[in-house]
Amino acid sequence: MLWDLFQNNEEIKDIEQFLKSYYQFYNYKEIDSTEFARFTKYYFDLEDDSVFKGWLKLDKTKNEE
């Protein structure tokens, strides 16, 4: 889950910074799960979608098919 990304850090400060960045970037925009995952992967420098398995359904991109 998303919480796992914060457990090895300063948790509250990291959560606040992530949410602040997310809000500033997507303020007044509607996004889908795929875009949320893209932003989260970029923010945390993640290599794959494994952190989202079991709680977020993502559409496969052409590269993943």
PDB file of N, CA and C in Angstrom:
ATOM      1  N   MET A   1       0.828  -1.193   0.000  1.00  0.00           N
ATOM      2  CA  MET A   1       0.000   0.000   0.000  1.00  0.00           C
ATOM      3  C   MET A   1       0.869   1.253   0.000  1.00  0.00           C
ATOM      4  N   LEU A   2       0.242   2.354  -0.206  1.00  0.00           N
ATOM      5  CA  LEU A   2       0.965   3.619  -0.256  1.00  0.00           C
ATOM      6  C   LEU A   2       1.701   3.900   1.044  1.00  0.00           C
ATOM      7  N   TRP A   3       1.131   3.465   2.150  1.00  0.00           N
ATOM      8  CA  TRP A   3       1.769   3.699   3.451  1.00  0.00           C
ATOM      9  C   TRP A   3       3.160   3.088   3.506  1.00  0.00           C
ATOM     10  N   ASP A   4       3.371   1.971   2.829  1.00  0.00           N
ATOM     11  CA  ASP A   4       4.674   1.308   2.816  1.00  0.00           C
ATOM     12  C   ASP A   4       5.774   2.217   2.275  1.00  0.00           C
ATOM     13  N   LEU A   5       5.430   3.119   1.391  1.00  0.00           N
ATOM     14  CA  LEU A   5       6.424   4.039   0.836  1.00  0.00           C
ATOM     15  C   LEU A   5       6.943   5.026   1.870  1.00  0.00           C
ATOM     16  N   PHE A   6       6.173   5.275   2.906  1.00  0.00           N
ATOM     17  CA  PHE A   6       6.552   6.261   3.916  1.00  0.00           C
ATOM     18  C   PHE A   6       7.186   5.652   5.164  1.00  0.00           C
ATOM     19  N   GLN A   7       7.061   4.366   5.369  1.00  0.00           N
ATOM     20  CA  GLN A   7       7.504   3.753   6.612  1.00  0.00           C
ATOM     21  C   GLN A   7       9.003   3.852   6.851  1.00  0.00           C
ATOM     22  N   ASN A   8       9.805   3.912   5.830  1.00  0.00           N
ATOM     23  CA  ASN A   8      11.247   3.992   6.005  1.00  0.00           C
ATOM     24  C   ASN A   8      11.757   5.427   6.043  1.00  0.00           C
ATOM     25  N   ASN A   9      10.884   6.361   6.054  1.00  0.00           N
ATOM     26  CA  ASN A   9      11.266   7.772   6.045  1.00  0.00           C
ATOM     27  C   ASN A   9      10.721   8.467   7.291  1.00  0.00           C
ATOM     28  N   GLU A  10      10.614   9.754   7.233  1.00  0.00           N
ATOM     29  CA  GLU A  10      10.107  10.516   8.365  1.00  0.00           C
ATOM     30  C   GLU A  10       8.585  10.553   8.392  1.00  0.00           C
ATOM     31  N   GLU A  11       7.971   9.635   7.754  1.00  0.00           N
ATOM     32  CA  GLU A  11       6.540   9.411   7.680  1.00  0.00           C
ATOM     33  C   GLU A  11       5.692  10.654   7.524  1.00  0.00           C
ATOM     34  N   ILE A  12       5.389  11.376   8.593  1.00  0.00           N
ATOM     35  CA  ILE A  12       4.451  12.502   8.506  1.00  0.00           C
ATOM     36  C   ILE A  12       4.979  13.585   7.576  1.00  0.00           C
ATOM     37  N   LYS A  13       6.233  13.975   7.709  1.00  0.00           N
ATOM     38  CA  LYS A  13       6.782  15.008   6.827  1.00  0.00           C
ATOM     39  C   LYS A  13       6.768  14.548   5.373  1.00  0.00           C
ATOM     40  N   ASP A  14       7.099  13.274   5.148  1.00  0.00           N
ATOM     41  CA  ASP A  14       7.101  12.750   3.785  1.00  0.00           C
ATOM     42  C   ASP A  14       5.697  12.700   3.209  1.00  0.00           C
ATOM     43  N   ILE A  15       4.736  12.290   4.006  1.00  0.00           N
ATOM     44  CA  ILE A  15       3.345  12.250   3.560  1.00  0.00           C
ATOM     45  C   ILE A  15       2.865  13.649   3.206  1.00  0.00           C
ATOM     46  N   GLU A  16       3.144  14.603   4.070  1.00  0.00           N
ATOM     47  CA  GLU A  16       2.718  15.984   3.813  1.00  0.00           C
ATOM     48  C   GLU A  16       3.349  16.532   2.537  1.00  0.00           C
ATOM     49  N   GLN A  17       4.631  16.258   2.315  1.00  0.00           N
ATOM     50  CA  GLN A  17       5.310  16.764   1.125  1.00  0.00           C
ATOM     51  C   GLN A  17       4.766  16.103  -0.138  1.00  0.00           C
ATOM     52  N   PHE A  18       4.523  14.790  -0.068  1.00  0.00           N
ATOM     53  CA  PHE A  18       3.945  14.087  -1.214  1.00  0.00           C
ATOM     54  C   PHE A  18       2.584  14.661  -1.563  1.00  0.00           C
ATOM     55  N   LEU A  19       1.715  14.806  -0.557  1.00  0.00           N
ATOM     56  CA  LEU A  19       0.370  15.325  -0.804  1.00  0.00           C
ATOM     57  C   LEU A  19       0.404  16.766  -1.299  1.00  0.00           C
ATOM     58  N   LYS A  20       1.306  17.565  -0.774  1.00  0.00           N
ATOM     59  CA  LYS A  20       1.441  18.953  -1.221  1.00  0.00           C
ATOM     60  C   LYS A  20       1.862  18.995  -2.696  1.00  0.00           C
ATOM     61  N   SER A  21       2.843  18.187  -3.049  1.00  0.00           N
ATOM     62  CA  SER A  21       3.301  18.140  -4.444  1.00  0.00           C
ATOM     63  C   SER A  21       2.193  17.642  -5.371  1.00  0.00           C
ATOM     64  N   TYR A  22       1.506  16.599  -4.928  1.00  0.00           N
ATOM     65  CA  TYR A  22       0.404  16.036  -5.710  1.00  0.00           C
ATOM     66  C   TYR A  22      -0.690  17.076  -5.917  1.00  0.00           C
ATOM     67  N   TYR A  23      -1.076  17.752  -4.863  1.00  0.00           N
ATOM     68  CA  TYR A  23      -2.136  18.759  -4.948  1.00  0.00           C
ATOM     69  C   TYR A  23      -1.721  19.909  -5.861  1.00  0.00           C
ATOM     70  N   GLN A  24      -0.498  20.400  -5.713  1.00  0.00           N
ATOM     71  CA  GLN A  24      -0.040  21.516  -6.538  1.00  0.00           C
ATOM     72  C   GLN A  24       0.004  21.144  -8.020  1.00  0.00           C
ATOM     73  N   PHE A  25       0.412  19.917  -8.305  1.00  0.00           N
ATOM     74  CA  PHE A  25       0.522  19.494  -9.689  1.00  0.00           C
ATOM     75  C   PHE A  25      -0.838  19.276 -10.339  1.00  0.00           C
ATOM     76  N   TYR A  26      -1.799  18.723  -9.586  1.00  0.00           N
ATOM     77  CA  TYR A  26      -3.099  18.354 -10.146  1.00  0.00           C
ATOM     78  C   TYR A  26      -4.247  19.241  -9.672  1.00  0.00           C
ATOM     79  N   ASN A  27      -3.953  20.378  -9.122  1.00  0.00           N
ATOM     80  CA  ASN A  27      -4.973  21.290  -8.627  1.00  0.00           C
ATOM     81  C   ASN A  27      -6.017  21.579  -9.712  1.00  0.00           C
ATOM     82  N   TYR A  28      -7.272  21.309  -9.407  1.00  0.00           N
ATOM     83  CA  TYR A  28      -8.413  21.539 -10.301  1.00  0.00           C
ATOM     84  C   TYR A  28      -8.401  20.651 -11.549  1.00  0.00           C
ATOM     85  N   LYS A  29      -7.727  19.518 -11.492  1.00  0.00           N
ATOM     86  CA  LYS A  29      -7.711  18.591 -12.614  1.00  0.00           C
ATOM     87  C   LYS A  29      -8.300  17.262 -12.170  1.00  0.00           C
ATOM     88  N   GLU A  30      -8.895  16.571 -13.101  1.00  0.00           N
ATOM     89  CA  GLU A  30      -9.421  15.237 -12.832  1.00  0.00           C
ATOM     90  C   GLU A  30      -8.456  14.218 -13.430  1.00  0.00           C
ATOM     91  N   ILE A  31      -8.033  13.257 -12.607  1.00  0.00           N
ATOM     92  CA  ILE A  31      -7.102  12.253 -13.098  1.00  0.00           C
ATOM     93  C   ILE A  31      -7.635  10.862 -12.787  1.00  0.00           C
ATOM     94  N   ASP A  32      -7.045   9.865 -13.410  1.00  0.00           N
ATOM     95  CA  ASP A  32      -7.449   8.481 -13.161  1.00  0.00           C
ATOM     96  C   ASP A  32      -6.355   7.751 -12.369  1.00  0.00           C
ATOM     97  N   SER A  33      -6.610   6.491 -12.088  1.00  0.00           N
ATOM     98  CA  SER A  33      -5.672   5.686 -11.299  1.00  0.00           C
ATOM     99  C   SER A  33      -4.314   5.561 -11.972  1.00  0.00           C
ATOM    100  N   THR A  34      -4.323   5.444 -13.285  1.00  0.00           N
ATOM    101  CA  THR A  34      -3.074   5.310 -14.020  1.00  0.00           C
ATOM    102  C   THR A  34      -2.205   6.547 -13.851  1.00  0.00           C
ATOM    103  N   GLU A  35      -2.811   7.711 -13.903  1.00  0.00           N
ATOM    104  CA  GLU A  35      -2.047   8.954 -13.733  1.00  0.00           C
ATOM    105  C   GLU A  35      -1.560   9.107 -12.294  1.00  0.00           C
ATOM    106  N   PHE A  36      -2.386   8.710 -11.323  1.00  0.00           N
ATOM    107  CA  PHE A  36      -1.952   8.733  -9.928  1.00  0.00           C
ATOM    108  C   PHE A  36      -0.727   7.840  -9.743  1.00  0.00           C
ATOM    109  N   ALA A  37      -0.765   6.653 -10.332  1.00  0.00           N
ATOM    110  CA  ALA A  37       0.363   5.730 -10.229  1.00  0.00           C
ATOM    111  C   ALA A  37       1.598   6.310 -10.919  1.00  0.00           C
ATOM    112  N   ARG A  38       1.406   6.931 -12.076  1.00  0.00           N
ATOM    113  CA  ARG A  38       2.530   7.539 -12.789  1.00  0.00           C
ATOM    114  C   ARG A  38       3.200   8.601 -11.941  1.00  0.00           C
ATOM    115  N   PHE A  39       2.407   9.479 -11.336  1.00  0.00           N
ATOM    116  CA  PHE A  39       2.955  10.533 -10.482  1.00  0.00           C
ATOM    117  C   PHE A  39       3.689   9.933  -9.286  1.00  0.00           C
ATOM    118  N   THR A  40       3.081   8.937  -8.644  1.00  0.00           N
ATOM    119  CA  THR A  40       3.672   8.309  -7.463  1.00  0.00           C
ATOM    120  C   THR A  40       4.973   7.598  -7.814  1.00  0.00           C
ATOM    121  N   LYS A  41       4.989   6.902  -8.938  1.00  0.00           N
ATOM    122  CA  LYS A  41       6.215   6.229  -9.365  1.00  0.00           C
ATOM    123  C   LYS A  41       7.325   7.238  -9.645  1.00  0.00           C
ATOM    124  N   TYR A  42       6.996   8.343 -10.271  1.00  0.00           N
ATOM    125  CA  TYR A  42       7.986   9.383 -10.533  1.00  0.00           C
ATOM    126  C   TYR A  42       8.475  10.006  -9.228  1.00  0.00           C
ATOM    127  N   TYR A  43       7.557  10.341  -8.339  1.00  0.00           N
ATOM    128  CA  TYR A  43       7.901  11.015  -7.080  1.00  0.00           C
ATOM    129  C   TYR A  43       8.836  10.154  -6.236  1.00  0.00           C
ATOM    130  N   PHE A  44       8.564   8.856  -6.151  1.00  0.00           N
ATOM    131  CA  PHE A  44       9.352   7.953  -5.314  1.00  0.00           C
ATOM    132  C   PHE A  44      10.416   7.173  -6.102  1.00  0.00           C
ATOM    133  N   ASP A  45      10.551   7.490  -7.389  1.00  0.00           N
ATOM    134  CA  ASP A  45      11.537   6.825  -8.243  1.00  0.00           C
ATOM    135  C   ASP A  45      11.361   5.307  -8.217  1.00  0.00           C
ATOM    136  N   LEU A  46      10.123   4.873  -8.427  1.00  0.00           N
ATOM    137  CA  LEU A  46       9.806   3.445  -8.440  1.00  0.00           C
ATOM    138  C   LEU A  46       9.999   2.884  -9.842  1.00  0.00           C
ATOM    139  N   GLU A  47      10.417   1.650  -9.929  1.00  0.00           N
ATOM    140  CA  GLU A  47      10.698   1.037 -11.224  1.00  0.00           C
ATOM    141  C   GLU A  47       9.519   0.280 -11.817  1.00  0.00           C
ATOM    142  N   ASP A  48       8.569  -0.139 -10.972  1.00  0.00           N
ATOM    143  CA  ASP A  48       7.438  -0.913 -11.486  1.00  0.00           C
ATOM    144  C   ASP A  48       6.178  -0.605 -10.671  1.00  0.00           C
ATOM    145  N   ASP A  49       5.100  -1.324 -10.998  1.00  0.00           N
ATOM    146  CA  ASP A  49       3.805  -1.080 -10.347  1.00  0.00           C
ATOM    147  C   ASP A  49       3.539  -1.994  -9.158  1.00  0.00           C
ATOM    148  N   SER A  50       4.530  -2.719  -8.685  1.00  0.00           N
ATOM    149  CA  SER A  50       4.303  -3.720  -7.639  1.00  0.00           C
ATOM    150  C   SER A  50       3.721  -3.131  -6.358  1.00  0.00           C
ATOM    151  N   VAL A  51       4.045  -1.888  -6.044  1.00  0.00           N
ATOM    152  CA  VAL A  51       3.515  -1.260  -4.823  1.00  0.00           C
ATOM    153  C   VAL A  51       2.003  -1.070  -4.899  1.00  0.00           C
ATOM    154  N   PHE A  52       1.444  -1.060  -6.093  1.00  0.00           N
ATOM    155  CA  PHE A  52       0.011  -0.830  -6.276  1.00  0.00           C
ATOM    156  C   PHE A  52      -0.812  -2.119  -6.352  1.00  0.00           C
ATOM    157  N   LYS A  53      -0.142  -3.246  -6.465  1.00  0.00           N
ATOM    158  CA  LYS A  53      -0.857  -4.519  -6.599  1.00  0.00           C
ATOM    159  C   LYS A  53      -1.706  -4.793  -5.368  1.00  0.00           C
ATOM    160  N   GLY A  54      -2.929  -5.208  -5.613  1.00  0.00           N
ATOM    161  CA  GLY A  54      -3.830  -5.570  -4.529  1.00  0.00           C
ATOM    162  C   GLY A  54      -4.709  -4.440  -4.032  1.00  0.00           C
ATOM    163  N   TRP A  55      -4.445  -3.199  -4.437  1.00  0.00           N
ATOM    164  CA  TRP A  55      -5.305  -2.113  -3.971  1.00  0.00           C
ATOM    165  C   TRP A  55      -5.612  -1.069  -5.040  1.00  0.00           C
ATOM    166  N   LEU A  56      -4.962  -1.157  -6.198  1.00  0.00           N
ATOM    167  CA  LEU A  56      -5.223  -0.184  -7.251  1.00  0.00           C
ATOM    168  C   LEU A  56      -5.192  -0.900  -8.592  1.00  0.00           C
ATOM    169  N   LYS A  57      -6.283  -0.812  -9.329  1.00  0.00           N
ATOM    170  CA  LYS A  57      -6.353  -1.447 -10.644  1.00  0.00           C
ATOM    171  C   LYS A  57      -5.826  -0.466 -11.683  1.00  0.00           C
ATOM    172  N   LEU A  58      -4.812  -0.915 -12.400  1.00  0.00           N
ATOM    173  CA  LEU A  58      -4.193  -0.056 -13.397  1.00  0.00           C
ATOM    174  C   LEU A  58      -4.378  -0.641 -14.774  1.00  0.00           C
ATOM    175  N   ASP A  59      -4.575   0.232 -15.766  1.00  0.00           N
ATOM    176  CA  ASP A  59      -4.607  -0.191 -17.155  1.00  0.00           C
ATOM    177  C   ASP A  59      -3.170  -0.424 -17.594  1.00  0.00           C
ATOM    178  N   LYS A  60      -2.953  -1.493 -18.325  1.00  0.00           N
ATOM    179  CA  LYS A  60      -1.606  -1.771 -18.815  1.00  0.00           C
ATOM    180  C   LYS A  60      -1.279  -0.833 -19.954  1.00  0.00           C
ATOM    181  N   THR A  61      -0.032  -0.350 -19.957  1.00  0.00           N
ATOM    182  CA  THR A  61       0.423   0.485 -21.053  1.00  0.00           C
ATOM    183  C   THR A  61       0.918  -0.420 -22.168  1.00  0.00           C
ATOM    184  N   LYS A  62       1.182   0.139 -23.328  1.00  0.00           N
ATOM    185  CA  LYS A  62       1.657  -0.643 -24.463  1.00  0.00           C
ATOM    186  C   LYS A  62       2.976  -1.329 -24.130  1.00  0.00           C
ATOM    187  N   ASN A  63       3.813  -0.706 -23.312  1.00  0.00           N
ATOM    188  CA  ASN A  63       5.108  -1.287 -22.951  1.00  0.00           C
ATOM    189  C   ASN A  63       4.956  -2.499 -22.050  1.00  0.00           C
ATOM    190  N   GLU A  64       3.874  -2.622 -21.314  1.00  0.00           N
ATOM    191  CA  GLU A  64       3.681  -3.698 -20.364  1.00  0.00           C
ATOM    192  C   GLU A  64       2.964  -4.906 -20.960  1.00  0.00           C
ATOM    193  N   GLU A  65       2.369  -4.751 -22.133  1.00  0.00           N
ATOM    194  CA  GLU A  65       1.604  -5.845 -22.744  1.00  0.00           C
ATOM    195  C   GLU A  65       2.513  -6.877 -23.359  1.00  0.00           C
TER     196      GLU A  65
END
